[in-house]
Amino acid sequence: MSGLERRYRRLLRWFPWEHRERHEEEMLSVLMAAARLSSAAMVAVRMWITGGSGWGAPCAG
């Protein structure tokens, strides 16, 4: 279990037990997927800004 997953599980404890019992794994998978997408997007932006991906560097203004 990653540190991020542990933190998400800790946050999910704020939900009522009955709701968590029914939906915790689904909520956790959505949160983890969103974190992966966000991380991938940040890598793409960083590569574009530095010109490291072949997309070209931003225009000098």
PDB file of N, CA and C in Angstrom:
ATOM      1  N   MET A   1       0.852  -1.174   0.000  1.00  0.00           N
ATOM      2  CA  MET A   1       0.000   0.000   0.000  1.00  0.00           C
ATOM      3  C   MET A   1       0.899   1.239   0.000  1.00  0.00           C
ATOM      4  N   SER A   2       0.639   2.132  -0.915  1.00  0.00           N
ATOM      5  CA  SER A   2       1.446   3.340  -1.021  1.00  0.00           C
ATOM      6  C   SER A   2       1.047   4.359   0.050  1.00  0.00           C
ATOM      7  N   GLY A   3       1.910   5.331   0.228  1.00  0.00           N
ATOM      8  CA  GLY A   3       1.608   6.397   1.182  1.00  0.00           C
ATOM      9  C   GLY A   3       0.362   7.174   0.783  1.00  0.00           C
ATOM     10  N   LEU A   4       0.202   7.396  -0.523  1.00  0.00           N
ATOM     11  CA  LEU A   4      -0.969   8.111  -1.009  1.00  0.00           C
ATOM     12  C   LEU A   4      -2.247   7.329  -0.713  1.00  0.00           C
ATOM     13  N   GLU A   5      -2.201   6.027  -0.948  1.00  0.00           N
ATOM     14  CA  GLU A   5      -3.376   5.193  -0.664  1.00  0.00           C
ATOM     15  C   GLU A   5      -3.725   5.219   0.822  1.00  0.00           C
ATOM     16  N   ARG A   6      -2.705   5.155   1.672  1.00  0.00           N
ATOM     17  CA  ARG A   6      -2.957   5.238   3.120  1.00  0.00           C
ATOM     18  C   ARG A   6      -3.631   6.555   3.497  1.00  0.00           C
ATOM     19  N   ARG A   7      -3.149   7.653   2.906  1.00  0.00           N
ATOM     20  CA  ARG A   7      -3.750   8.958   3.209  1.00  0.00           C
ATOM     21  C   ARG A   7      -5.190   9.025   2.720  1.00  0.00           C
ATOM     22  N   TYR A   8      -5.455   8.497   1.535  1.00  0.00           N
ATOM     23  CA  TYR A   8      -6.834   8.486   1.031  1.00  0.00           C
ATOM     24  C   TYR A   8      -7.736   7.640   1.927  1.00  0.00           C
ATOM     25  N   ARG A   9      -7.246   6.484   2.361  1.00  0.00           N
ATOM     26  CA  ARG A   9      -8.052   5.639   3.244  1.00  0.00           C
ATOM     27  C   ARG A   9      -8.349   6.363   4.562  1.00  0.00           C
ATOM     28  N   ARG A  10      -7.363   7.099   5.058  1.00  0.00           N
ATOM     29  CA  ARG A  10      -7.577   7.876   6.287  1.00  0.00           C
ATOM     30  C   ARG A  10      -8.663   8.933   6.076  1.00  0.00           C
ATOM     31  N   LEU A  11      -8.625   9.599   4.928  1.00  0.00           N
ATOM     32  CA  LEU A  11      -9.659  10.600   4.634  1.00  0.00           C
ATOM     33  C   LEU A  11     -11.041   9.968   4.475  1.00  0.00           C
ATOM     34  N   LEU A  12     -11.092   8.788   3.884  1.00  0.00           N
ATOM     35  CA  LEU A  12     -12.375   8.118   3.676  1.00  0.00           C
ATOM     36  C   LEU A  12     -13.019   7.698   4.991  1.00  0.00           C
ATOM     37  N   ARG A  13     -12.257   7.645   6.053  1.00  0.00           N
ATOM     38  CA  ARG A  13     -12.830   7.296   7.362  1.00  0.00           C
ATOM     39  C   ARG A  13     -13.849   8.322   7.842  1.00  0.00           C
ATOM     40  N   TRP A  14     -13.847   9.501   7.258  1.00  0.00           N
ATOM     41  CA  TRP A  14     -14.825  10.527   7.636  1.00  0.00           C
ATOM     42  C   TRP A  14     -16.234  10.171   7.163  1.00  0.00           C
ATOM     43  N   PHE A  15     -16.339   9.275   6.174  1.00  0.00           N
ATOM     44  CA  PHE A  15     -17.655   8.838   5.710  1.00  0.00           C
ATOM     45  C   PHE A  15     -18.276   7.892   6.732  1.00  0.00           C
ATOM     46  N   PRO A  16     -19.582   7.847   6.805  1.00  0.00           N
ATOM     47  CA  PRO A  16     -20.236   6.893   7.715  1.00  0.00           C
ATOM     48  C   PRO A  16     -19.805   5.457   7.383  1.00  0.00           C
ATOM     49  N   TRP A  17     -19.703   4.638   8.418  1.00  0.00           N
ATOM     50  CA  TRP A  17     -19.227   3.266   8.266  1.00  0.00           C
ATOM     51  C   TRP A  17     -20.015   2.497   7.213  1.00  0.00           C
ATOM     52  N   GLU A  18     -21.339   2.612   7.231  1.00  0.00           N
ATOM     53  CA  GLU A  18     -22.169   1.854   6.288  1.00  0.00           C
ATOM     54  C   GLU A  18     -21.862   2.248   4.844  1.00  0.00           C
ATOM     55  N   HIS A  19     -21.680   3.529   4.626  1.00  0.00           N
ATOM     56  CA  HIS A  19     -21.368   4.020   3.275  1.00  0.00           C
ATOM     57  C   HIS A  19     -19.978   3.533   2.855  1.00  0.00           C
ATOM     58  N   ARG A  20     -19.035   3.633   3.765  1.00  0.00           N
ATOM     59  CA  ARG A  20     -17.670   3.198   3.480  1.00  0.00           C
ATOM     60  C   ARG A  20     -17.613   1.703   3.195  1.00  0.00           C
ATOM     61  N   GLU A  21     -18.343   0.924   3.957  1.00  0.00           N
ATOM     62  CA  GLU A  21     -18.341  -0.520   3.750  1.00  0.00           C
ATOM     63  C   GLU A  21     -18.805  -0.865   2.334  1.00  0.00           C
ATOM     64  N   ARG A  22     -19.773  -0.128   1.865  1.00  0.00           N
ATOM     65  CA  ARG A  22     -20.340  -0.383   0.550  1.00  0.00           C
ATOM     66  C   ARG A  22     -19.503   0.201  -0.587  1.00  0.00           C
ATOM     67  N   HIS A  23     -18.864   1.350  -0.379  1.00  0.00           N
ATOM     68  CA  HIS A  23     -18.267   2.091  -1.502  1.00  0.00           C
ATOM     69  C   HIS A  23     -16.780   2.409  -1.379  1.00  0.00           C
ATOM     70  N   GLU A  24     -16.128   1.999  -0.299  1.00  0.00           N
ATOM     71  CA  GLU A  24     -14.748   2.424  -0.064  1.00  0.00           C
ATOM     72  C   GLU A  24     -13.799   2.049  -1.197  1.00  0.00           C
ATOM     73  N   GLU A  25     -13.844   0.821  -1.652  1.00  0.00           N
ATOM     74  CA  GLU A  25     -12.912   0.387  -2.693  1.00  0.00           C
ATOM     75  C   GLU A  25     -13.132   1.151  -3.998  1.00  0.00           C
ATOM     76  N   GLU A  26     -14.393   1.396  -4.335  1.00  0.00           N
ATOM     77  CA  GLU A  26     -14.688   2.157  -5.548  1.00  0.00           C
ATOM     78  C   GLU A  26     -14.196   3.602  -5.420  1.00  0.00           C
ATOM     79  N   MET A  27     -14.462   4.227  -4.274  1.00  0.00           N
ATOM     80  CA  MET A  27     -14.009   5.610  -4.069  1.00  0.00           C
ATOM     81  C   MET A  27     -12.490   5.679  -4.106  1.00  0.00           C
ATOM     82  N   LEU A  28     -11.835   4.715  -3.487  1.00  0.00           N
ATOM     83  CA  LEU A  28     -10.385   4.687  -3.473  1.00  0.00           C
ATOM     84  C   LEU A  28      -9.824   4.533  -4.888  1.00  0.00           C
ATOM     85  N   SER A  29     -10.417   3.655  -5.683  1.00  0.00           N
ATOM     86  CA  SER A  29      -9.910   3.460  -7.047  1.00  0.00           C
ATOM     87  C   SER A  29     -10.089   4.717  -7.891  1.00  0.00           C
ATOM     88  N   VAL A  30     -11.177   5.444  -7.694  1.00  0.00           N
ATOM     89  CA  VAL A  30     -11.388   6.699  -8.426  1.00  0.00           C
ATOM     90  C   VAL A  30     -10.338   7.730  -8.006  1.00  0.00           C
ATOM     91  N   LEU A  31     -10.088   7.855  -6.713  1.00  0.00           N
ATOM     92  CA  LEU A  31      -9.085   8.807  -6.230  1.00  0.00           C
ATOM     93  C   LEU A  31      -7.692   8.466  -6.746  1.00  0.00           C
ATOM     94  N   MET A  32      -7.335   7.190  -6.721  1.00  0.00           N
ATOM     95  CA  MET A  32      -6.012   6.775  -7.186  1.00  0.00           C
ATOM     96  C   MET A  32      -5.862   6.999  -8.689  1.00  0.00           C
ATOM     97  N   ALA A  33      -6.913   6.724  -9.460  1.00  0.00           N
ATOM     98  CA  ALA A  33      -6.864   6.949 -10.907  1.00  0.00           C
ATOM     99  C   ALA A  33      -6.707   8.439 -11.208  1.00  0.00           C
ATOM    100  N   ALA A  34      -7.424   9.277 -10.481  1.00  0.00           N
ATOM    101  CA  ALA A  34      -7.311  10.720 -10.681  1.00  0.00           C
ATOM    102  C   ALA A  34      -5.900  11.198 -10.348  1.00  0.00           C
ATOM    103  N   ALA A  35      -5.300  10.645  -9.312  1.00  0.00           N
ATOM    104  CA  ALA A  35      -3.935  11.030  -8.946  1.00  0.00           C
ATOM    105  C   ALA A  35      -2.954  10.632 -10.042  1.00  0.00           C
ATOM    106  N   ARG A  36      -3.134   9.452 -10.638  1.00  0.00           N
ATOM    107  CA  ARG A  36      -2.246   9.016 -11.727  1.00  0.00           C
ATOM    108  C   ARG A  36      -2.398   9.925 -12.937  1.00  0.00           C
ATOM    109  N   LEU A  37      -3.626  10.267 -13.298  1.00  0.00           N
ATOM    110  CA  LEU A  37      -3.856  11.148 -14.442  1.00  0.00           C
ATOM    111  C   LEU A  37      -3.261  12.529 -14.202  1.00  0.00           C
ATOM    112  N   SER A  38      -3.435  13.038 -13.010  1.00  0.00           N
ATOM    113  CA  SER A  38      -2.896  14.348 -12.658  1.00  0.00           C
ATOM    114  C   SER A  38      -1.377  14.327 -12.745  1.00  0.00           C
ATOM    115  N   SER A  39      -0.778  13.280 -12.243  1.00  0.00           N
ATOM    116  CA  SER A  39       0.675  13.158 -12.274  1.00  0.00           C
ATOM    117  C   SER A  39       1.176  13.085 -13.717  1.00  0.00           C
ATOM    118  N   ALA A  40       0.504  12.309 -14.557  1.00  0.00           N
ATOM    119  CA  ALA A  40       0.900  12.191 -15.966  1.00  0.00           C
ATOM    120  C   ALA A  40       0.756  13.527 -16.676  1.00  0.00           C
ATOM    121  N   ALA A  41      -0.294  14.268 -16.370  1.00  0.00           N
ATOM    122  CA  ALA A  41      -0.498  15.575 -16.997  1.00  0.00           C
ATOM    123  C   ALA A  41       0.614  16.534 -16.592  1.00  0.00           C
ATOM    124  N   MET A  42       1.010  16.498 -15.326  1.00  0.00           N
ATOM    125  CA  MET A  42       2.078  17.385 -14.865  1.00  0.00           C
ATOM    126  C   MET A  42       3.406  17.051 -15.543  1.00  0.00           C
ATOM    127  N   VAL A  43       3.677  15.778 -15.761  1.00  0.00           N
ATOM    128  CA  VAL A  43       4.900  15.381 -16.458  1.00  0.00           C
ATOM    129  C   VAL A  43       4.866  15.920 -17.882  1.00  0.00           C
ATOM    130  N   ALA A  44       3.728  15.800 -18.555  1.00  0.00           N
ATOM    131  CA  ALA A  44       3.610  16.289 -19.935  1.00  0.00           C
ATOM    132  C   ALA A  44       3.824  17.804 -19.994  1.00  0.00           C
ATOM    133  N   VAL A  45       3.233  18.530 -19.079  1.00  0.00           N
ATOM    134  CA  VAL A  45       3.404  19.991 -19.047  1.00  0.00           C
ATOM    135  C   VAL A  45       4.860  20.344 -18.789  1.00  0.00           C
ATOM    136  N   ARG A  46       5.473  19.663 -17.837  1.00  0.00           N
ATOM    137  CA  ARG A  46       6.882  19.943 -17.524  1.00  0.00           C
ATOM    138  C   ARG A  46       7.764  19.684 -18.742  1.00  0.00           C
ATOM    139  N   MET A  47       7.496  18.590 -19.456  1.00  0.00           N
ATOM    140  CA  MET A  47       8.290  18.278 -20.645  1.00  0.00           C
ATOM    141  C   MET A  47       8.081  19.333 -21.730  1.00  0.00           C
ATOM    142  N   TRP A  48       6.858  19.799 -21.900  1.00  0.00           N
ATOM    143  CA  TRP A  48       6.575  20.816 -22.907  1.00  0.00           C
ATOM    144  C   TRP A  48       7.302  22.118 -22.563  1.00  0.00           C
ATOM    145  N   ILE A  49       7.241  22.501 -21.291  1.00  0.00           N
ATOM    146  CA  ILE A  49       7.876  23.752 -20.865  1.00  0.00           C
ATOM    147  C   ILE A  49       9.385  23.698 -21.090  1.00  0.00           C
ATOM    148  N   THR A  50       9.988  22.574 -20.798  1.00  0.00           N
ATOM    149  CA  THR A  50      11.444  22.470 -20.936  1.00  0.00           C
ATOM    150  C   THR A  50      11.868  22.089 -22.351  1.00  0.00           C
ATOM    151  N   GLY A  51      10.906  21.795 -23.209  1.00  0.00           N
ATOM    152  CA  GLY A  51      11.247  21.424 -24.580  1.00  0.00           C
ATOM    153  C   GLY A  51      11.777  20.014 -24.699  1.00  0.00           C
ATOM    154  N   GLY A  52      11.582  19.182 -23.690  1.00  0.00           N
ATOM    155  CA  GLY A  52      12.165  17.843 -23.691  1.00  0.00           C
ATOM    156  C   GLY A  52      11.346  16.776 -24.396  1.00  0.00           C
ATOM    157  N   SER A  53      10.198  17.138 -24.951  1.00  0.00           N
ATOM    158  CA  SER A  53       9.362  16.078 -25.516  1.00  0.00           C
ATOM    159  C   SER A  53       9.264  16.136 -27.033  1.00  0.00           C
ATOM    160  N   GLY A  54       9.841  17.151 -27.647  1.00  0.00           N
ATOM    161  CA  GLY A  54       9.684  17.297 -29.086  1.00  0.00           C
ATOM    162  C   GLY A  54       8.466  18.114 -29.459  1.00  0.00           C
ATOM    163  N   TRP A  55       7.692  18.565 -28.466  1.00  0.00           N
ATOM    164  CA  TRP A  55       6.529  19.407 -28.759  1.00  0.00           C
ATOM    165  C   TRP A  55       6.941  20.836 -29.056  1.00  0.00           C
ATOM    166  N   GLY A  56       8.166  21.154 -28.689  1.00  0.00           N
ATOM    167  CA  GLY A  56       8.650  22.521 -28.866  1.00  0.00           C
ATOM    168  C   GLY A  56       8.524  23.315 -27.587  1.00  0.00           C
ATOM    169  N   ALA A  57       9.357  24.282 -27.474  1.00  0.00           N
ATOM    170  CA  ALA A  57       9.338  25.140 -26.296  1.00  0.00           C
ATOM    171  C   ALA A  57       8.277  26.212 -26.472  1.00  0.00           C
ATOM    172  N   PRO A  58       7.757  26.737 -25.377  1.00  0.00           N
ATOM    173  CA  PRO A  58       6.784  27.807 -25.488  1.00  0.00           C
ATOM    174  C   PRO A  58       7.392  29.045 -26.130  1.00  0.00           C
ATOM    175  N   CYS A  59       6.580  29.859 -26.714  1.00  0.00           N
ATOM    176  CA  CYS A  59       7.036  31.074 -27.369  1.00  0.00           C
ATOM    177  C   CYS A  59       7.640  32.033 -26.361  1.00  0.00           C
ATOM    178  N   ALA A  60       8.739  32.626 -26.740  1.00  0.00           N
ATOM    179  CA  ALA A  60       9.323  33.674 -25.889  1.00  0.00           C
ATOM    180  C   ALA A  60       8.563  34.953 -26.152  1.00  0.00           C
ATOM    181  N   GLY A  61       8.074  35.537 -25.086  1.00  0.00           N
ATOM    182  CA  GLY A  61       7.174  36.654 -25.278  1.00  0.00           C
ATOM    183  C   GLY A  61       7.756  37.951 -25.091  1.00  0.00           C
TER     184      GLY A  61
END
